Amino acid sequence: MKDAVELANFRTKTEAEAAAGLLKNAGIPYLIQSAEGMLHGPLFPGATIYVAPELLDEARDVLGITREDEEELEF
């Protein structure tokens, strides 16, 4: 995904995948980036979902993210 922008950060990859399911159902392509290891459990900063810039507002609506919440958003 070229020029993807950060949508939200989650504590674990599992939480990010749950949110990504909502994006998938809405037809919004996404990318999950995570440093979480298979055997080591969650690692800081968890997992981040990225979307195309032109779909950012729609993706925020799907996940119920408001612009006011954006900076303090940590699931």
C-alpha atoms as a PDB file:
ATOM      1  CA  MET A   1       0.000   0.000   0.000  1.00  0.00           C
ATOM      2  CA  LYS A   2       1.698   3.156  -1.210  1.00  0.00           C
ATOM      3  CA  ASP A   3       1.734   6.216   1.062  1.00  0.00           C
ATOM      4  CA  ALA A   4      -0.320   4.550   3.797  1.00  0.00           C
ATOM      5  CA  VAL A   5      -1.123   6.623   6.888  1.00  0.00           C
ATOM      6  CA  GLU A   6      -1.550   5.486  10.489  1.00  0.00           C
ATOM      7  CA  LEU A   7      -5.135   4.917  11.536  1.00  0.00           C
ATOM      8  CA  ALA A   8      -4.799   3.506  15.060  1.00  0.00           C
ATOM      9  CA  ASN A   9      -2.425   1.719  17.423  1.00  0.00           C
ATOM     10  CA  PHE A  10      -3.512  -1.305  19.470  1.00  0.00           C
ATOM     11  CA  ARG A  11      -1.955  -3.085  22.447  1.00  0.00           C
ATOM     12  CA  THR A  12      -1.896  -6.449  20.660  1.00  0.00           C
ATOM     13  CA  LYS A  13      -2.031  -7.781  17.133  1.00  0.00           C
ATOM     14  CA  THR A  14      -5.212  -9.671  18.035  1.00  0.00           C
ATOM     15  CA  GLU A  15      -6.964  -6.393  18.916  1.00  0.00           C
ATOM     16  CA  ALA A  16      -5.761  -4.846  15.654  1.00  0.00           C
ATOM     17  CA  GLU A  17      -7.032  -7.845  13.698  1.00  0.00           C
ATOM     18  CA  ALA A  18     -10.466  -7.494  15.320  1.00  0.00           C
ATOM     19  CA  ALA A  19     -10.637  -3.840  14.248  1.00  0.00           C
ATOM     20  CA  ALA A  20      -9.324  -4.777  10.810  1.00  0.00           C
ATOM     21  CA  GLY A  21     -12.285  -7.131  10.422  1.00  0.00           C
ATOM     22  CA  LEU A  22     -14.592  -4.115  10.590  1.00  0.00           C
ATOM     23  CA  LEU A  23     -12.527  -2.361   7.920  1.00  0.00           C
ATOM     24  CA  LYS A  24     -12.612  -5.464   5.725  1.00  0.00           C
ATOM     25  CA  ASN A  25     -16.411  -5.669   6.032  1.00  0.00           C
ATOM     26  CA  ALA A  26     -16.588  -2.014   4.960  1.00  0.00           C
ATOM     27  CA  GLY A  27     -14.387  -2.704   1.922  1.00  0.00           C
ATOM     28  CA  ILE A  28     -11.465  -0.635   3.210  1.00  0.00           C
ATOM     29  CA  PRO A  29      -8.007  -2.060   2.437  1.00  0.00           C
ATOM     30  CA  TYR A  30      -5.594  -1.943   5.370  1.00  0.00           C
ATOM     31  CA  LEU A  31      -2.156  -3.000   6.520  1.00  0.00           C
ATOM     32  CA  ILE A  32      -1.284  -4.216  10.019  1.00  0.00           C
ATOM     33  CA  GLN A  33       2.272  -3.670  11.231  1.00  0.00           C
ATOM     34  CA  SER A  34       3.356  -5.385  14.436  1.00  0.00           C
ATOM     35  CA  ALA A  35       6.516  -6.292  16.305  1.00  0.00           C
ATOM     36  CA  GLU A  36       4.571  -8.865  18.300  1.00  0.00           C
ATOM     37  CA  GLY A  37       6.369 -12.190  18.406  1.00  0.00           C
ATOM     38  CA  MET A  38       4.787 -15.607  18.225  1.00  0.00           C
ATOM     39  CA  LEU A  39       6.435 -16.876  21.417  1.00  0.00           C
ATOM     40  CA  HIS A  40       7.243 -13.694  23.302  1.00  0.00           C
ATOM     41  CA  GLY A  41       3.824 -12.102  23.653  1.00  0.00           C
ATOM     42  CA  PRO A  42       2.973  -8.456  23.043  1.00  0.00           C
ATOM     43  CA  LEU A  43       5.813  -6.025  22.500  1.00  0.00           C
ATOM     44  CA  PHE A  44       5.589  -2.254  22.679  1.00  0.00           C
ATOM     45  CA  PRO A  45       3.958  -0.537  20.771  1.00  0.00           C
ATOM     46  CA  GLY A  46       1.635  -3.432  19.873  1.00  0.00           C
ATOM     47  CA  ALA A  47       0.163  -3.271  16.384  1.00  0.00           C
ATOM     48  CA  THR A  48      -0.717  -0.391  14.100  1.00  0.00           C
ATOM     49  CA  ILE A  49      -3.288  -0.304  11.320  1.00  0.00           C
ATOM     50  CA  TYR A  50      -2.500   1.761   8.230  1.00  0.00           C
ATOM     51  CA  VAL A  51      -4.888   2.790   5.437  1.00  0.00           C
ATOM     52  CA  ALA A  52      -4.686   4.825   2.241  1.00  0.00           C
ATOM     53  CA  PRO A  53      -4.848   8.583   2.944  1.00  0.00           C
ATOM     54  CA  GLU A  54      -8.018   9.012   0.891  1.00  0.00           C
ATOM     55  CA  LEU A  55      -9.778   6.364   3.030  1.00  0.00           C
ATOM     56  CA  LEU A  56      -8.660   7.680   6.426  1.00  0.00           C
ATOM     57  CA  ASP A  57     -11.877   9.546   7.289  1.00  0.00           C
ATOM     58  CA  GLU A  58     -14.057   6.621   6.228  1.00  0.00           C
ATOM     59  CA  ALA A  59     -11.900   4.190   8.247  1.00  0.00           C
ATOM     60  CA  ARG A  60     -12.157   6.457  11.307  1.00  0.00           C
ATOM     61  CA  ASP A  61     -15.934   6.423  10.955  1.00  0.00           C
ATOM     62  CA  VAL A  62     -16.018   2.626  10.727  1.00  0.00           C
ATOM     63  CA  LEU A  63     -13.957   2.271  13.919  1.00  0.00           C
ATOM     64  CA  GLY A  64     -15.687   5.165  15.697  1.00  0.00           C
ATOM     65  CA  ILE A  65     -12.524   7.239  15.984  1.00  0.00           C
ATOM     66  CA  THR A  66     -13.029  10.984  16.296  1.00  0.00           C
ATOM     67  CA  ARG A  67     -10.347  13.517  15.504  1.00  0.00           C
ATOM     68  CA  GLU A  68     -10.377  14.651  19.133  1.00  0.00           C
ATOM     69  CA  ASP A  69      -9.532  11.097  20.240  1.00  0.00           C
ATOM     70  CA  GLU A  70      -6.778  10.667  17.675  1.00  0.00           C
ATOM     71  CA  GLU A  71      -3.743  11.742  19.724  1.00  0.00           C
ATOM     72  CA  GLU A  72      -4.729   9.880  22.863  1.00  0.00           C
ATOM     73  CA  LEU A  73      -5.949   6.744  21.059  1.00  0.00           C
ATOM     74  CA  GLU A  74      -4.396   3.606  22.507  1.00  0.00           C
ATOM     75  CA  PHE A  75      -6.614   0.535  22.510  1.00  0.00           C
END
